[in-house]
Amino acid sequence: MAKTLGPAEELVFLFQKPKTPMPGSRRRKNGTRYTMEEWANKQGFRWYTLETIPRGWRQ
């Protein structure tokens, strides 16, 4: 989907709980799971929570 955006557009995610495990993720050897935050960072997406979203983006 990000590839279909124009050069002046960006796909940004708003997570309610970025530490939530990805659906279908398996437990790692250390007992943790792959989170939505880790996925977005790995894929190069910018993301925010309601607490961190820029003020100018709120209505």
PDB file of N, CA and C in Angstrom:
ATOM      1  N   MET A   1       0.816  -1.186   0.000  1.00  0.00           N
ATOM      2  CA  MET A   1       0.000   0.000   0.000  1.00  0.00           C
ATOM      3  C   MET A   1       0.864   1.257   0.000  1.00  0.00           C
ATOM      4  N   ALA A   2       1.947   1.254   0.775  1.00  0.00           N
ATOM      5  CA  ALA A   2       2.801   2.444   0.847  1.00  0.00           C
ATOM      6  C   ALA A   2       3.396   2.773  -0.517  1.00  0.00           C
ATOM      7  N   LYS A   3       3.580   1.784  -1.358  1.00  0.00           N
ATOM      8  CA  LYS A   3       4.164   2.013  -2.686  1.00  0.00           C
ATOM      9  C   LYS A   3       3.214   2.770  -3.606  1.00  0.00           C
ATOM     10  N   THR A   4       1.926   2.762  -3.309  1.00  0.00           N
ATOM     11  CA  THR A   4       0.948   3.439  -4.159  1.00  0.00           C
ATOM     12  C   THR A   4       0.780   4.918  -3.797  1.00  0.00           C
ATOM     13  N   LEU A   5       1.399   5.351  -2.714  1.00  0.00           N
ATOM     14  CA  LEU A   5       1.286   6.747  -2.292  1.00  0.00           C
ATOM     15  C   LEU A   5       2.179   7.636  -3.146  1.00  0.00           C
ATOM     16  N   GLY A   6       1.763   8.864  -3.309  1.00  0.00           N
ATOM     17  CA  GLY A   6       2.544   9.838  -4.060  1.00  0.00           C
ATOM     18  C   GLY A   6       3.757  10.295  -3.267  1.00  0.00           C
ATOM     19  N   PRO A   7       4.659  11.034  -3.922  1.00  0.00           N
ATOM     20  CA  PRO A   7       5.876  11.479  -3.243  1.00  0.00           C
ATOM     21  C   PRO A   7       5.622  12.431  -2.062  1.00  0.00           C
ATOM     22  N   ALA A   8       4.507  13.112  -2.049  1.00  0.00           N
ATOM     23  CA  ALA A   8       4.192  14.037  -0.960  1.00  0.00           C
ATOM     24  C   ALA A   8       3.280  13.403   0.092  1.00  0.00           C
ATOM     25  N   GLU A   9       3.013  12.097  -0.033  1.00  0.00           N
ATOM     26  CA  GLU A   9       2.115  11.408   0.898  1.00  0.00           C
ATOM     27  C   GLU A   9       2.899  10.419   1.748  1.00  0.00           C
ATOM     28  N   GLU A  10       2.376  10.170   2.934  1.00  0.00           N
ATOM     29  CA  GLU A  10       3.013   9.228   3.848  1.00  0.00           C
ATOM     30  C   GLU A  10       1.938   8.472   4.610  1.00  0.00           C
ATOM     31  N   LEU A  11       2.128   7.184   4.779  1.00  0.00           N
ATOM     32  CA  LEU A  11       1.222   6.368   5.571  1.00  0.00           C
ATOM     33  C   LEU A  11       1.736   6.371   7.007  1.00  0.00           C
ATOM     34  N   VAL A  12       0.910   6.868   7.918  1.00  0.00           N
ATOM     35  CA  VAL A  12       1.271   6.972   9.335  1.00  0.00           C
ATOM     36  C   VAL A  12       0.244   6.188  10.130  1.00  0.00           C
ATOM     37  N   PHE A  13       0.713   5.423  11.110  1.00  0.00           N
ATOM     38  CA  PHE A  13      -0.175   4.609  11.927  1.00  0.00           C
ATOM     39  C   PHE A  13      -0.437   5.269  13.266  1.00  0.00           C
ATOM     40  N   LEU A  14      -1.649   5.104  13.765  1.00  0.00           N
ATOM     41  CA  LEU A  14      -2.033   5.565  15.094  1.00  0.00           C
ATOM     42  C   LEU A  14      -2.410   4.318  15.887  1.00  0.00           C
ATOM     43  N   PHE A  15      -1.576   3.976  16.855  1.00  0.00           N
ATOM     44  CA  PHE A  15      -1.800   2.774  17.669  1.00  0.00           C
ATOM     45  C   PHE A  15      -2.385   3.166  19.016  1.00  0.00           C
ATOM     46  N   GLN A  16      -3.400   2.428  19.425  1.00  0.00           N
ATOM     47  CA  GLN A  16      -3.944   2.628  20.756  1.00  0.00           C
ATOM     48  C   GLN A  16      -2.978   2.034  21.781  1.00  0.00           C
ATOM     49  N   LYS A  17      -2.456   0.839  21.468  1.00  0.00           N
ATOM     50  CA  LYS A  17      -1.495   0.163  22.352  1.00  0.00           C
ATOM     51  C   LYS A  17      -0.386  -0.423  21.474  1.00  0.00           C
ATOM     52  N   PRO A  18       0.708   0.304  21.257  1.00  0.00           N
ATOM     53  CA  PRO A  18       1.757  -0.167  20.356  1.00  0.00           C
ATOM     54  C   PRO A  18       2.468  -1.433  20.818  1.00  0.00           C
ATOM     55  N   LYS A  19       2.374  -1.754  22.091  1.00  0.00           N
ATOM     56  CA  LYS A  19       3.027  -2.959  22.622  1.00  0.00           C
ATOM     57  C   LYS A  19       2.173  -4.212  22.426  1.00  0.00           C
ATOM     58  N   THR A  20       1.010  -4.079  21.792  1.00  0.00           N
ATOM     59  CA  THR A  20       0.138  -5.218  21.530  1.00  0.00           C
ATOM     60  C   THR A  20       0.821  -6.172  20.562  1.00  0.00           C
ATOM     61  N   PRO A  21       0.796  -7.483  20.867  1.00  0.00           N
ATOM     62  CA  PRO A  21       1.405  -8.444  19.946  1.00  0.00           C
ATOM     63  C   PRO A  21       0.690  -8.462  18.596  1.00  0.00           C
ATOM     64  N   MET A  22       1.459  -8.678  17.539  1.00  0.00           N
ATOM     65  CA  MET A  22       0.882  -8.819  16.197  1.00  0.00           C
ATOM     66  C   MET A  22       0.007 -10.063  16.177  1.00  0.00           C
ATOM     67  N   PRO A  23      -1.122 -10.032  15.468  1.00  0.00           N
ATOM     68  CA  PRO A  23      -1.966 -11.217  15.368  1.00  0.00           C
ATOM     69  C   PRO A  23      -1.173 -12.376  14.756  1.00  0.00           C
ATOM     70  N   GLY A  24      -1.269 -13.517  15.379  1.00  0.00           N
ATOM     71  CA  GLY A  24      -0.584 -14.704  14.868  1.00  0.00           C
ATOM     72  C   GLY A  24       0.888 -14.795  15.217  1.00  0.00           C
ATOM     73  N   SER A  25       1.403 -13.841  15.991  1.00  0.00           N
ATOM     74  CA  SER A  25       2.833 -13.889  16.338  1.00  0.00           C
ATOM     75  C   SER A  25       3.080 -15.010  17.346  1.00  0.00           C
ATOM     76  N   ARG A  26       4.242 -15.606  17.226  1.00  0.00           N
ATOM     77  CA  ARG A  26       4.609 -16.698  18.131  1.00  0.00           C
ATOM     78  C   ARG A  26       5.539 -16.173  19.217  1.00  0.00           C
ATOM     79  N   ARG A  27       5.580 -16.905  20.295  1.00  0.00           N
ATOM     80  CA  ARG A  27       6.481 -16.533  21.387  1.00  0.00           C
ATOM     81  C   ARG A  27       7.925 -16.738  20.960  1.00  0.00           C
ATOM     82  N   ARG A  28       8.751 -15.763  21.323  1.00  0.00           N
ATOM     83  CA  ARG A  28      10.190 -15.873  21.077  1.00  0.00           C
ATOM     84  C   ARG A  28      10.809 -16.722  22.189  1.00  0.00           C
ATOM     85  N   LYS A  29      12.076 -17.019  22.019  1.00  0.00           N
ATOM     86  CA  LYS A  29      12.778 -17.807  23.035  1.00  0.00           C
ATOM     87  C   LYS A  29      12.765 -17.112  24.392  1.00  0.00           C
ATOM     88  N   ASN A  30      12.768 -15.770  24.381  1.00  0.00           N
ATOM     89  CA  ASN A  30      12.760 -15.037  25.654  1.00  0.00           C
ATOM     90  C   ASN A  30      11.349 -14.811  26.203  1.00  0.00           C
ATOM     91  N   GLY A  31      10.331 -15.359  25.547  1.00  0.00           N
ATOM     92  CA  GLY A  31       8.957 -15.285  26.033  1.00  0.00           C
ATOM     93  C   GLY A  31       8.147 -14.112  25.513  1.00  0.00           C
ATOM     94  N   THR A  32       8.776 -13.189  24.785  1.00  0.00           N
ATOM     95  CA  THR A  32       8.045 -12.035  24.257  1.00  0.00           C
ATOM     96  C   THR A  32       7.450 -12.353  22.893  1.00  0.00           C
ATOM     97  N   ARG A  33       6.613 -11.468  22.418  1.00  0.00           N
ATOM     98  CA  ARG A  33       6.016 -11.600  21.094  1.00  0.00           C
ATOM     99  C   ARG A  33       6.332 -10.365  20.264  1.00  0.00           C
ATOM    100  N   TYR A  34       6.296 -10.505  18.941  1.00  0.00           N
ATOM    101  CA  TYR A  34       6.522  -9.422  17.988  1.00  0.00           C
ATOM    102  C   TYR A  34       5.366  -8.433  18.110  1.00  0.00           C
ATOM    103  N   THR A  35       5.665  -7.167  18.389  1.00  0.00           N
ATOM    104  CA  THR A  35       4.611  -6.181  18.637  1.00  0.00           C
ATOM    105  C   THR A  35       4.337  -5.316  17.407  1.00  0.00           C
ATOM    106  N   MET A  36       3.233  -4.608  17.462  1.00  0.00           N
ATOM    107  CA  MET A  36       2.876  -3.695  16.375  1.00  0.00           C
ATOM    108  C   MET A  36       3.911  -2.583  16.255  1.00  0.00           C
ATOM    109  N   GLU A  37       4.424  -2.125  17.383  1.00  0.00           N
ATOM    110  CA  GLU A  37       5.466  -1.103  17.390  1.00  0.00           C
ATOM    111  C   GLU A  37       6.717  -1.601  16.650  1.00  0.00           C
ATOM    112  N   GLU A  38       7.139  -2.811  16.947  1.00  0.00           N
ATOM    113  CA  GLU A  38       8.321  -3.386  16.285  1.00  0.00           C
ATOM    114  C   GLU A  38       8.088  -3.545  14.794  1.00  0.00           C
ATOM    115  N   TRP A  39       6.881  -3.986  14.422  1.00  0.00           N
ATOM    116  CA  TRP A  39       6.563  -4.164  13.012  1.00  0.00           C
ATOM    117  C   TRP A  39       6.651  -2.837  12.261  1.00  0.00           C
ATOM    118  N   ALA A  40       6.027  -1.793  12.813  1.00  0.00           N
ATOM    119  CA  ALA A  40       6.036  -0.487  12.150  1.00  0.00           C
ATOM    120  C   ALA A  40       7.457   0.051  12.017  1.00  0.00           C
ATOM    121  N   ASN A  41       8.251  -0.077  13.055  1.00  0.00           N
ATOM    122  CA  ASN A  41       9.642   0.376  12.999  1.00  0.00           C
ATOM    123  C   ASN A  41      10.433  -0.400  11.947  1.00  0.00           C
ATOM    124  N   LYS A  42      10.259  -1.704  11.918  1.00  0.00           N
ATOM    125  CA  LYS A  42      10.988  -2.539  10.962  1.00  0.00           C
ATOM    126  C   LYS A  42      10.605  -2.208   9.518  1.00  0.00           C
ATOM    127  N   GLN A  43       9.338  -1.884   9.298  1.00  0.00           N
ATOM    128  CA  GLN A  43       8.852  -1.569   7.955  1.00  0.00           C
ATOM    129  C   GLN A  43       9.115  -0.113   7.561  1.00  0.00           C
ATOM    130  N   GLY A  44       9.611   0.684   8.490  1.00  0.00           N
ATOM    131  CA  GLY A  44       9.925   2.080   8.198  1.00  0.00           C
ATOM    132  C   GLY A  44       8.741   3.027   8.251  1.00  0.00           C
ATOM    133  N   PHE A  45       7.671   2.628   8.937  1.00  0.00           N
ATOM    134  CA  PHE A  45       6.498   3.482   9.073  1.00  0.00           C
ATOM    135  C   PHE A  45       6.611   4.351  10.317  1.00  0.00           C
ATOM    136  N   ARG A  46       6.132   5.574  10.195  1.00  0.00           N
ATOM    137  CA  ARG A  46       6.031   6.447  11.356  1.00  0.00           C
ATOM    138  C   ARG A  46       4.737   6.088  12.066  1.00  0.00           C
ATOM    139  N   TRP A  47       4.754   6.116  13.387  1.00  0.00           N
ATOM    140  CA  TRP A  47       3.550   5.796  14.152  1.00  0.00           C
ATOM    141  C   TRP A  47       3.477   6.670  15.401  1.00  0.00           C
ATOM    142  N   TYR A  48       2.252   6.802  15.896  1.00  0.00           N
ATOM    143  CA  TYR A  48       1.993   7.607  17.085  1.00  0.00           C
ATOM    144  C   TYR A  48       0.961   6.897  17.951  1.00  0.00           C
ATOM    145  N   THR A  49       0.829   7.384  19.170  1.00  0.00           N
ATOM    146  CA  THR A  49      -0.277   7.008  20.045  1.00  0.00           C
ATOM    147  C   THR A  49      -1.091   8.281  20.263  1.00  0.00           C
ATOM    148  N   LEU A  50      -2.216   8.173  20.936  1.00  0.00           N
ATOM    149  CA  LEU A  50      -3.014   9.371  21.214  1.00  0.00           C
ATOM    150  C   LEU A  50      -2.240  10.370  22.059  1.00  0.00           C
ATOM    151  N   GLU A  51      -1.316   9.875  22.864  1.00  0.00           N
ATOM    152  CA  GLU A  51      -0.519  10.759  23.723  1.00  0.00           C
ATOM    153  C   GLU A  51       0.627  11.433  22.963  1.00  0.00           C
ATOM    154  N   THR A  52       1.099  10.828  21.869  1.00  0.00           N
ATOM    155  CA  THR A  52       2.275  11.357  21.176  1.00  0.00           C
ATOM    156  C   THR A  52       1.970  12.004  19.827  1.00  0.00           C
ATOM    157  N   ILE A  53       0.733  11.964  19.400  1.00  0.00           N
ATOM    158  CA  ILE A  53       0.381  12.534  18.096  1.00  0.00           C
ATOM    159  C   ILE A  53       0.616  14.054  18.114  1.00  0.00           C
ATOM    160  N   PRO A  54       1.151  14.613  17.042  1.00  0.00           N
ATOM    161  CA  PRO A  54       1.410  16.062  17.024  1.00  0.00           C
ATOM    162  C   PRO A  54       0.131  16.879  17.252  1.00  0.00           C
ATOM    163  N   ARG A  55       0.267  17.958  17.980  1.00  0.00           N
ATOM    164  CA  ARG A  55      -0.901  18.789  18.306  1.00  0.00           C
ATOM    165  C   ARG A  55      -1.631  19.291  17.069  1.00  0.00           C
ATOM    166  N   GLY A  56      -0.923  19.630  16.032  1.00  0.00           N
ATOM    167  CA  GLY A  56      -1.534  20.145  14.819  1.00  0.00           C
ATOM    168  C   GLY A  56      -2.390  19.131  14.083  1.00  0.00           C
ATOM    169  N   TRP A  57      -2.237  17.874  14.414  1.00  0.00           N
ATOM    170  CA  TRP A  57      -3.022  16.821  13.762  1.00  0.00           C
ATOM    171  C   TRP A  57      -4.349  16.566  14.464  1.00  0.00           C
ATOM    172  N   ARG A  58      -4.483  17.067  15.671  1.00  0.00           N
ATOM    173  CA  ARG A  58      -5.725  16.858  16.431  1.00  0.00           C
ATOM    174  C   ARG A  58      -6.743  17.920  16.063  1.00  0.00           C
ATOM    175  N   GLN A  59      -7.992  17.588  16.226  1.00  0.00           N
ATOM    176  CA  GLN A  59      -9.060  18.547  15.952  1.00  0.00           C
ATOM    177  C   GLN A  59      -9.671  19.035  17.228  1.00  0.00           C
TER     178      GLN A  59
END
